[in-house]
Amino acid sequence: MITAKARAVDGPNKPFRATEIKRRDLDGQDVLIEIKYSGICHSDIHTAHGEWGGVNYPLVPGHEIAGIVTDVGDEVTKYKVGDRVGVGCMVDSCGECENCQKGEEQYCLKGNVPTYAGVDKYGESTQGGYSTHIVVTEDFVLRIPEGIELDAAAPLLCAGITTYSPLNHWGAGPDKKVAIVGMGGLGHMAVKIAHALGAEVTVLSQTLKKKDDGLQFGADHYYATSDPEIFNKLAGTFDLIINTVSAKVDMNAYLSLLTLDGTLVNVGAPSEPLPINVFSLIGHRRSFAGSMIGGIRETQEMLDFCAEHHIFPKIEVISADQIDEAYKRVLGSDVKYRFVIDISTM
């Protein structure tokens, strides 16, 4: 067994503490990664606070992982010691079902194995990237292209793919008007990616305080949704809306902004239901959809796309002792735009 230093939380209202965890010995197809950076995702906070239920504490969150390969199993063919790699939101799947065979492991019919707060094929609870090392089967390891620094690469493994996947799937491009709801960790990546895909990009945020950033990231337009007239002004405008907000909002109001055959895709995951009036959909053949990260193949495609187009998240690097403070700041919308833990401070 491999011992790793980590930061764990013991319950919904508990602070993070320093600890040590065990990582399994390498099987033939396993890769040992020395973690250099781990991003903080809103999903980490939801899970650590027990808002989605089913958490076995102590918990080590973190599914935006970037590091260096330090050892490989004797059957590994894709990676070697010294490679720059990443791990995202899942570390395994059945590999046999229809969805896995299509390269959509995130929708594994038997359930993918999440990087933390899951149970792996050995029956052990998975623990995430707020730690110095992790062991992952090579098929769920991503190659980080040259040109992307490891600290910037970490949030791409969740925030990047979570926004790239729906933009890619619903065909964001030069002939599409795309709106991004929210300008946080997910939203700012959605703006950058949608712009690089060639879409006309609009940000819909509660206020205009991040307008300058949004325009710098590639938005063509920026509106404050606190002004109710905006919904009248923009009614029937957008082909695609990506909602990145992890809070309850008036979905019917946003659905009214879609054009004929437009789609609103939720990637934010609020802990309470979002009521929908069916008349918000049927009047203009609109669709309300959801999207959850991407498969391994698409995630690698996203990393290569970001390297080619020089798309990087705007980050604030923190020490391991600042995790609790960072959680509070995320909940207070006091981050531009993604916290990343320097794992050397463990």
Protein backbone atom coordinates (compact mmCIF):
# COMPACT_ATOMS: atom_id res chain seq x y z
CA MET A 1 0.00 0.00 0.00
CA ILE A 2 1.06 3.57 -0.71
CA THR A 3 0.70 6.24 1.97
CA ALA A 4 -0.40 9.70 0.83
CA LYS A 5 -0.77 12.91 2.77
CA ALA A 6 -4.24 14.40 2.42
CA ARG A 7 -6.83 16.87 3.68
CA ALA A 8 -10.07 15.26 4.83
CA VAL A 9 -13.38 16.40 6.28
CA ASP A 10 -15.23 14.35 8.93
CA GLY A 11 -18.77 15.63 8.48
CA PRO A 12 -21.01 18.28 6.89
CA ASN A 13 -20.02 21.03 9.33
CA LYS A 14 -16.48 19.94 10.08
CA PRO A 15 -13.27 21.73 9.05
CA PHE A 16 -10.62 20.08 6.93
CA ARG A 17 -7.79 18.37 8.76
CA ALA A 18 -4.44 16.93 7.79
CA THR A 19 -4.36 13.15 7.58
CA GLU A 20 -2.83 10.20 5.75
CA ILE A 21 -4.67 7.81 3.44
CA LYS A 22 -3.74 4.56 1.78
CA ARG A 23 -3.59 4.09 -1.98
CA ARG A 24 -3.67 0.59 -3.43
CA ASP A 25 -0.60 -1.14 -4.77
CA LEU A 26 -0.40 -0.98 -8.55
CA ASP A 27 -2.18 -3.59 -10.63
CA GLY A 28 -0.98 -4.25 -14.16
CA GLN A 29 -2.93 -1.38 -15.77
CA ASP A 30 -2.58 1.13 -12.94
CA VAL A 31 -0.75 4.46 -12.96
CA LEU A 32 0.65 6.12 -9.83
CA ILE A 33 0.40 9.90 -10.03
CA GLU A 34 2.14 12.40 -7.79
CA ILE A 35 -0.47 15.14 -7.58
CA LYS A 36 0.86 18.66 -8.03
CA TYR A 37 -2.40 20.62 -8.11
CA SER A 38 -6.05 19.96 -7.34
CA GLY A 39 -8.85 22.36 -8.21
CA ILE A 40 -11.77 23.17 -5.93
CA CYS A 41 -15.12 22.54 -7.61
CA HIS A 42 -18.56 23.53 -6.31
CA SER A 43 -19.36 19.80 -6.39
CA ASP A 44 -16.64 19.30 -3.76
CA ILE A 45 -18.50 21.71 -1.50
CA HIS A 46 -21.92 20.13 -2.11
CA THR A 47 -20.47 16.70 -1.30
CA ALA A 48 -18.35 17.73 1.69
CA HIS A 49 -21.38 19.48 3.17
CA GLY A 50 -23.53 16.38 2.68
CA GLU A 51 -26.01 18.25 0.47
CA TRP A 52 -26.34 15.41 -2.02
CA GLY A 53 -26.49 12.71 0.67
CA GLY A 54 -24.81 9.32 0.79
CA VAL A 55 -21.37 10.47 1.96
CA ASN A 56 -19.13 8.15 3.91
CA TYR A 57 -16.83 10.29 6.05
CA PRO A 58 -13.97 10.95 6.40
CA LEU A 59 -13.94 12.35 2.87
CA VAL A 60 -11.07 13.58 0.72
CA PRO A 61 -12.64 15.57 -2.15
CA GLY A 62 -11.03 16.73 -5.39
CA HIS A 63 -11.67 15.70 -9.00
CA GLU A 64 -9.61 18.30 -10.84
CA ILE A 65 -6.22 16.64 -10.59
CA ALA A 66 -2.97 17.43 -12.37
CA GLY A 67 0.36 15.77 -11.71
CA ILE A 68 3.26 13.61 -12.82
CA VAL A 69 3.42 9.85 -13.39
CA THR A 70 5.84 8.30 -10.89
CA ASP A 71 5.20 4.59 -11.49
CA VAL A 72 3.20 2.33 -13.81
CA GLY A 73 1.94 -1.23 -13.75
CA ASP A 74 3.62 -3.82 -15.96
CA GLU A 75 0.72 -3.81 -18.48
CA VAL A 76 0.51 -0.04 -18.95
CA THR A 77 1.07 1.08 -22.55
CA LYS A 78 -0.24 4.66 -22.62
CA TYR A 79 1.95 6.36 -20.03
CA LYS A 80 5.47 6.33 -18.66
CA VAL A 81 7.23 7.79 -15.64
CA GLY A 82 7.56 11.55 -16.00
CA ASP A 83 4.45 12.12 -18.11
CA ARG A 84 2.25 15.12 -17.33
CA VAL A 85 -1.24 13.79 -16.66
CA GLY A 86 -4.61 14.57 -15.20
CA VAL A 87 -7.59 12.83 -13.61
CA GLY A 88 -11.12 14.17 -13.75
CA CYS A 89 -14.43 13.28 -12.15
CA MET A 90 -14.33 9.51 -12.63
CA VAL A 91 -11.73 6.80 -12.25
CA ASP A 92 -13.46 3.73 -13.70
CA SER A 93 -16.60 2.34 -15.34
CA CYS A 94 -17.84 -1.06 -16.43
CA GLY A 95 -16.31 -0.62 -19.89
CA GLU A 96 -18.86 -3.04 -21.36
CA CYS A 97 -22.26 -1.34 -21.53
CA GLU A 98 -23.58 0.48 -24.58
CA ASN A 99 -22.66 3.91 -23.26
CA CYS A 100 -19.13 2.92 -22.29
CA GLN A 101 -18.63 1.36 -25.70
CA LYS A 102 -19.63 4.70 -27.24
CA GLY A 103 -16.97 6.50 -25.21
CA GLU A 104 -19.58 8.02 -22.88
CA GLU A 105 -18.27 6.48 -19.67
CA GLN A 106 -19.80 9.26 -17.61
CA TYR A 107 -23.18 7.72 -18.43
CA CYS A 108 -22.14 4.13 -17.67
CA LEU A 109 -25.32 2.10 -17.26
CA LYS A 110 -23.86 0.38 -14.22
CA GLY A 111 -22.65 3.68 -12.81
CA ASN A 112 -19.17 5.13 -13.27
CA VAL A 113 -16.81 5.20 -10.28
CA PRO A 114 -16.43 8.80 -9.12
CA THR A 115 -12.98 10.02 -8.15
CA TYR A 116 -14.18 10.51 -4.59
CA ALA A 117 -17.25 9.51 -2.55
CA GLY A 118 -17.62 6.35 -4.61
CA VAL A 119 -16.78 2.67 -4.32
CA ASP A 120 -14.20 1.12 -6.61
CA LYS A 121 -14.06 -2.41 -8.02
CA TYR A 122 -12.13 -3.52 -4.96
CA GLY A 123 -14.96 -2.43 -2.67
CA GLU A 124 -12.98 0.48 -1.27
CA SER A 125 -14.22 4.05 -0.89
CA THR A 126 -12.61 6.37 -3.41
CA GLN A 127 -10.74 9.41 -2.14
CA GLY A 128 -9.90 12.40 -4.29
CA GLY A 129 -7.24 14.88 -5.22
CA TYR A 130 -6.74 16.81 -2.01
CA SER A 131 -3.85 14.42 -1.51
CA THR A 132 -0.28 13.87 -2.63
CA HIS A 133 -0.80 10.67 -4.66
CA ILE A 134 -3.50 8.73 -6.46
CA VAL A 135 -3.62 5.39 -8.27
CA VAL A 136 -5.85 5.21 -11.35
CA THR A 137 -6.29 2.67 -14.14
CA GLU A 138 -4.60 4.03 -17.28
CA ASP A 139 -7.83 4.24 -19.29
CA PHE A 140 -9.05 7.01 -16.98
CA VAL A 141 -5.86 9.06 -17.03
CA LEU A 142 -5.62 12.08 -19.37
CA ARG A 143 -2.52 13.44 -21.06
CA ILE A 144 -1.92 17.13 -20.38
CA PRO A 145 -0.58 18.75 -23.56
CA GLU A 146 2.53 20.90 -23.60
CA GLY A 147 1.59 24.53 -23.36
CA ILE A 148 -0.81 24.06 -20.45
CA GLU A 149 0.76 24.57 -17.03
CA LEU A 150 -0.26 21.99 -14.45
CA ASP A 151 -1.94 24.49 -12.14
CA ALA A 152 -4.09 25.80 -15.00
CA ALA A 153 -4.75 22.28 -16.28
CA ALA A 154 -6.40 21.08 -13.07
CA PRO A 155 -9.76 22.94 -13.43
CA LEU A 156 -10.04 21.85 -17.06
CA LEU A 157 -10.64 18.30 -15.81
CA CYS A 158 -14.07 19.37 -14.51
CA ALA A 159 -14.90 23.00 -15.31
CA GLY A 160 -13.41 22.64 -18.79
CA ILE A 161 -15.07 19.41 -19.85
CA THR A 162 -18.38 20.20 -18.10
CA THR A 163 -18.80 23.21 -20.39
CA TYR A 164 -17.02 21.91 -23.50
CA SER A 165 -19.20 18.79 -23.70
CA PRO A 166 -22.62 20.48 -24.08
CA LEU A 167 -21.20 23.20 -26.34
CA ASN A 168 -19.74 20.47 -28.52
CA HIS A 169 -22.79 18.20 -28.40
CA TRP A 170 -25.32 20.92 -29.24
CA GLY A 171 -23.15 22.35 -32.01
CA ALA A 172 -22.05 25.75 -30.73
CA GLY A 173 -20.37 27.43 -33.68
CA PRO A 174 -20.29 30.41 -36.04
CA ASP A 175 -23.99 30.16 -36.85
CA LYS A 176 -25.20 29.92 -33.23
CA LYS A 177 -26.17 32.46 -30.61
CA VAL A 178 -25.11 31.06 -27.24
CA ALA A 179 -25.90 32.43 -23.79
CA ILE A 180 -23.99 31.53 -20.65
CA VAL A 181 -25.85 31.87 -17.35
CA GLY A 182 -23.42 32.68 -14.56
CA MET A 183 -19.82 33.89 -14.62
CA GLY A 184 -18.16 31.68 -12.04
CA GLY A 185 -15.71 28.81 -12.38
CA LEU A 186 -17.83 27.03 -14.98
CA GLY A 187 -19.25 30.12 -16.64
CA HIS A 188 -15.96 31.81 -17.44
CA MET A 189 -14.72 28.60 -19.08
CA ALA A 190 -17.96 28.31 -21.08
CA VAL A 191 -17.47 31.84 -22.40
CA LYS A 192 -13.90 31.14 -23.49
CA ILE A 193 -14.75 27.84 -25.16
CA ALA A 194 -17.91 29.08 -26.89
CA HIS A 195 -15.96 32.05 -28.25
CA ALA A 196 -13.19 29.77 -29.54
CA LEU A 197 -15.84 27.61 -31.26
CA GLY A 198 -16.97 30.70 -33.14
CA ALA A 199 -20.36 31.29 -31.52
CA GLU A 200 -21.85 34.69 -30.74
CA VAL A 201 -21.62 34.67 -26.95
CA THR A 202 -23.79 36.45 -24.40
CA VAL A 203 -23.30 36.35 -20.63
CA LEU A 204 -26.36 36.50 -18.38
CA SER A 205 -25.23 37.33 -14.86
CA GLN A 206 -27.01 38.78 -11.84
CA THR A 207 -24.98 41.98 -11.98
CA LEU A 208 -22.54 43.76 -14.29
CA LYS A 209 -19.62 43.59 -11.86
CA LYS A 210 -17.79 41.00 -13.98
CA LYS A 211 -18.70 42.57 -17.32
CA ASP A 212 -15.16 43.67 -18.16
CA ASP A 213 -13.87 40.16 -17.47
CA GLY A 214 -16.64 38.58 -19.53
CA LEU A 215 -15.88 40.74 -22.56
CA GLN A 216 -12.18 40.05 -22.15
CA PHE A 217 -12.87 36.30 -22.07
CA GLY A 218 -14.67 36.53 -25.40
CA ALA A 219 -18.30 37.49 -24.73
CA ASP A 220 -19.93 39.68 -27.34
CA HIS A 221 -22.69 40.86 -25.00
CA TYR A 222 -23.19 40.99 -21.23
CA TYR A 223 -26.47 41.60 -19.39
CA ALA A 224 -27.57 41.80 -15.76
CA THR A 225 -30.52 39.51 -15.11
CA SER A 226 -31.46 41.56 -12.05
CA ASP A 227 -33.07 43.91 -14.61
CA PRO A 228 -36.41 42.22 -15.45
CA GLU A 229 -36.60 44.10 -18.75
CA ILE A 230 -33.68 42.03 -20.02
CA PHE A 231 -35.94 38.99 -20.33
CA ASN A 232 -38.35 40.95 -22.50
CA LYS A 233 -35.55 42.43 -24.58
CA LEU A 234 -33.88 39.07 -25.25
CA ALA A 235 -36.99 36.90 -25.63
CA GLY A 236 -36.61 34.32 -28.41
CA THR A 237 -32.95 35.15 -29.04
CA PHE A 238 -30.73 32.17 -28.30
CA ASP A 239 -30.13 28.84 -30.00
CA LEU A 240 -28.39 27.44 -26.92
CA ILE A 241 -28.24 28.45 -23.28
CA ILE A 242 -25.77 26.83 -20.86
CA ASN A 243 -26.84 27.30 -17.24
CA THR A 244 -23.79 26.98 -15.00
CA VAL A 245 -25.47 28.17 -11.79
CA SER A 246 -25.71 25.72 -8.87
CA ALA A 247 -28.66 27.51 -7.34
CA LYS A 248 -32.40 27.68 -7.91
CA VAL A 249 -33.30 30.16 -10.68
CA ASP A 250 -36.47 30.85 -12.67
CA MET A 251 -36.00 28.30 -15.47
CA ASN A 252 -39.18 29.38 -17.23
CA ALA A 253 -37.80 32.89 -17.61
CA TYR A 254 -34.62 31.55 -19.18
CA LEU A 255 -36.54 29.15 -21.43
CA SER A 256 -38.39 32.19 -22.83
CA LEU A 257 -35.06 33.41 -24.19
CA LEU A 258 -34.74 30.44 -26.57
CA THR A 259 -35.57 30.67 -30.23
CA LEU A 260 -37.51 27.99 -32.14
CA ASP A 261 -35.90 24.59 -31.45
CA GLY A 262 -33.54 26.16 -28.93
CA THR A 263 -32.10 24.19 -26.02
CA LEU A 264 -31.35 25.15 -22.43
CA VAL A 265 -28.75 22.84 -20.89
CA ASN A 266 -28.19 22.64 -17.15
CA VAL A 267 -24.67 21.83 -16.01
CA GLY A 268 -24.99 23.45 -12.59
CA ALA A 269 -26.42 21.04 -10.02
CA PRO A 270 -28.56 22.77 -7.38
CA SER A 271 -29.57 20.70 -4.39
CA GLU A 272 -33.29 21.52 -4.82
CA PRO A 273 -35.66 20.82 -7.76
CA LEU A 274 -36.14 23.30 -10.59
CA PRO A 275 -39.85 23.59 -11.53
CA ILE A 276 -40.65 23.80 -15.25
CA ASN A 277 -43.93 24.91 -16.82
CA VAL A 278 -44.53 22.67 -19.84
CA PHE A 279 -45.87 25.66 -21.79
CA SER A 280 -42.35 27.10 -21.62
CA LEU A 281 -41.32 24.21 -23.86
CA ILE A 282 -44.15 23.39 -26.22
CA GLY A 283 -44.79 26.88 -27.56
CA HIS A 284 -41.58 26.99 -29.61
CA ARG A 285 -40.51 23.34 -29.55
CA ARG A 286 -37.87 24.20 -26.99
CA SER A 287 -35.83 21.64 -25.08
CA PHE A 288 -34.59 21.53 -21.51
CA ALA A 289 -31.61 19.21 -21.10
CA GLY A 290 -28.81 18.28 -18.75
CA SER A 291 -25.18 17.38 -19.30
CA MET A 292 -22.63 15.75 -17.01
CA ILE A 293 -18.90 16.17 -17.75
CA GLY A 294 -17.74 14.13 -20.77
CA GLY A 295 -16.23 10.78 -21.64
CA ILE A 296 -12.50 10.15 -21.55
CA ARG A 297 -12.11 10.55 -25.31
CA GLU A 298 -13.99 13.88 -25.31
CA THR A 299 -12.06 15.09 -22.26
CA GLN A 300 -8.77 14.49 -24.06
CA GLU A 301 -10.24 16.30 -27.08
CA MET A 302 -11.09 19.23 -24.81
CA LEU A 303 -7.56 19.39 -23.39
CA ASP A 304 -6.07 19.38 -26.89
CA PHE A 305 -8.57 22.04 -28.01
CA CYS A 306 -7.69 24.27 -25.05
CA ALA A 307 -3.97 23.88 -25.74
CA GLU A 308 -4.45 24.72 -29.42
CA HIS A 309 -6.57 27.80 -28.68
CA HIS A 310 -4.66 28.89 -25.57
CA ILE A 311 -7.73 28.58 -23.36
CA PHE A 312 -6.90 28.47 -19.67
CA PRO A 313 -8.96 29.05 -16.54
CA LYS A 314 -8.28 32.11 -14.43
CA ILE A 315 -7.10 30.68 -11.12
CA GLU A 316 -6.04 31.57 -7.61
CA VAL A 317 -3.52 29.12 -6.15
CA ILE A 318 -3.90 28.45 -2.43
CA SER A 319 -2.22 26.31 0.21
CA ALA A 320 -3.80 23.23 1.76
CA ASP A 321 -4.40 25.20 4.96
CA GLN A 322 -6.70 27.60 3.08
CA ILE A 323 -9.31 25.07 1.91
CA ASP A 324 -11.94 26.02 4.49
CA GLU A 325 -11.49 29.70 3.69
CA ALA A 326 -11.71 28.94 -0.04
CA TYR A 327 -15.01 27.07 0.45
CA LYS A 328 -16.47 30.09 2.24
CA ARG A 329 -15.28 32.40 -0.51
CA VAL A 330 -16.76 30.19 -3.25
CA LEU A 331 -20.13 30.23 -1.47
CA GLY A 332 -19.82 34.02 -1.21
CA SER A 333 -18.96 34.35 -4.92
CA ASP A 334 -15.59 35.76 -3.88
CA VAL A 335 -13.29 34.01 -6.34
CA LYS A 336 -12.02 34.86 -9.80
CA TYR A 337 -12.54 32.19 -10.97
CA ARG A 338 -11.23 28.87 -9.68
CA PHE A 339 -9.26 27.96 -6.59
CA VAL A 340 -6.43 25.49 -7.11
CA ILE A 341 -4.62 23.82 -4.21
CA ASP A 342 -0.83 23.63 -4.36
CA ILE A 343 -0.41 20.05 -3.17
CA SER A 344 3.24 20.65 -2.21
CA THR A 345 1.81 22.50 0.81
CA MET A 346 0.31 19.25 2.19
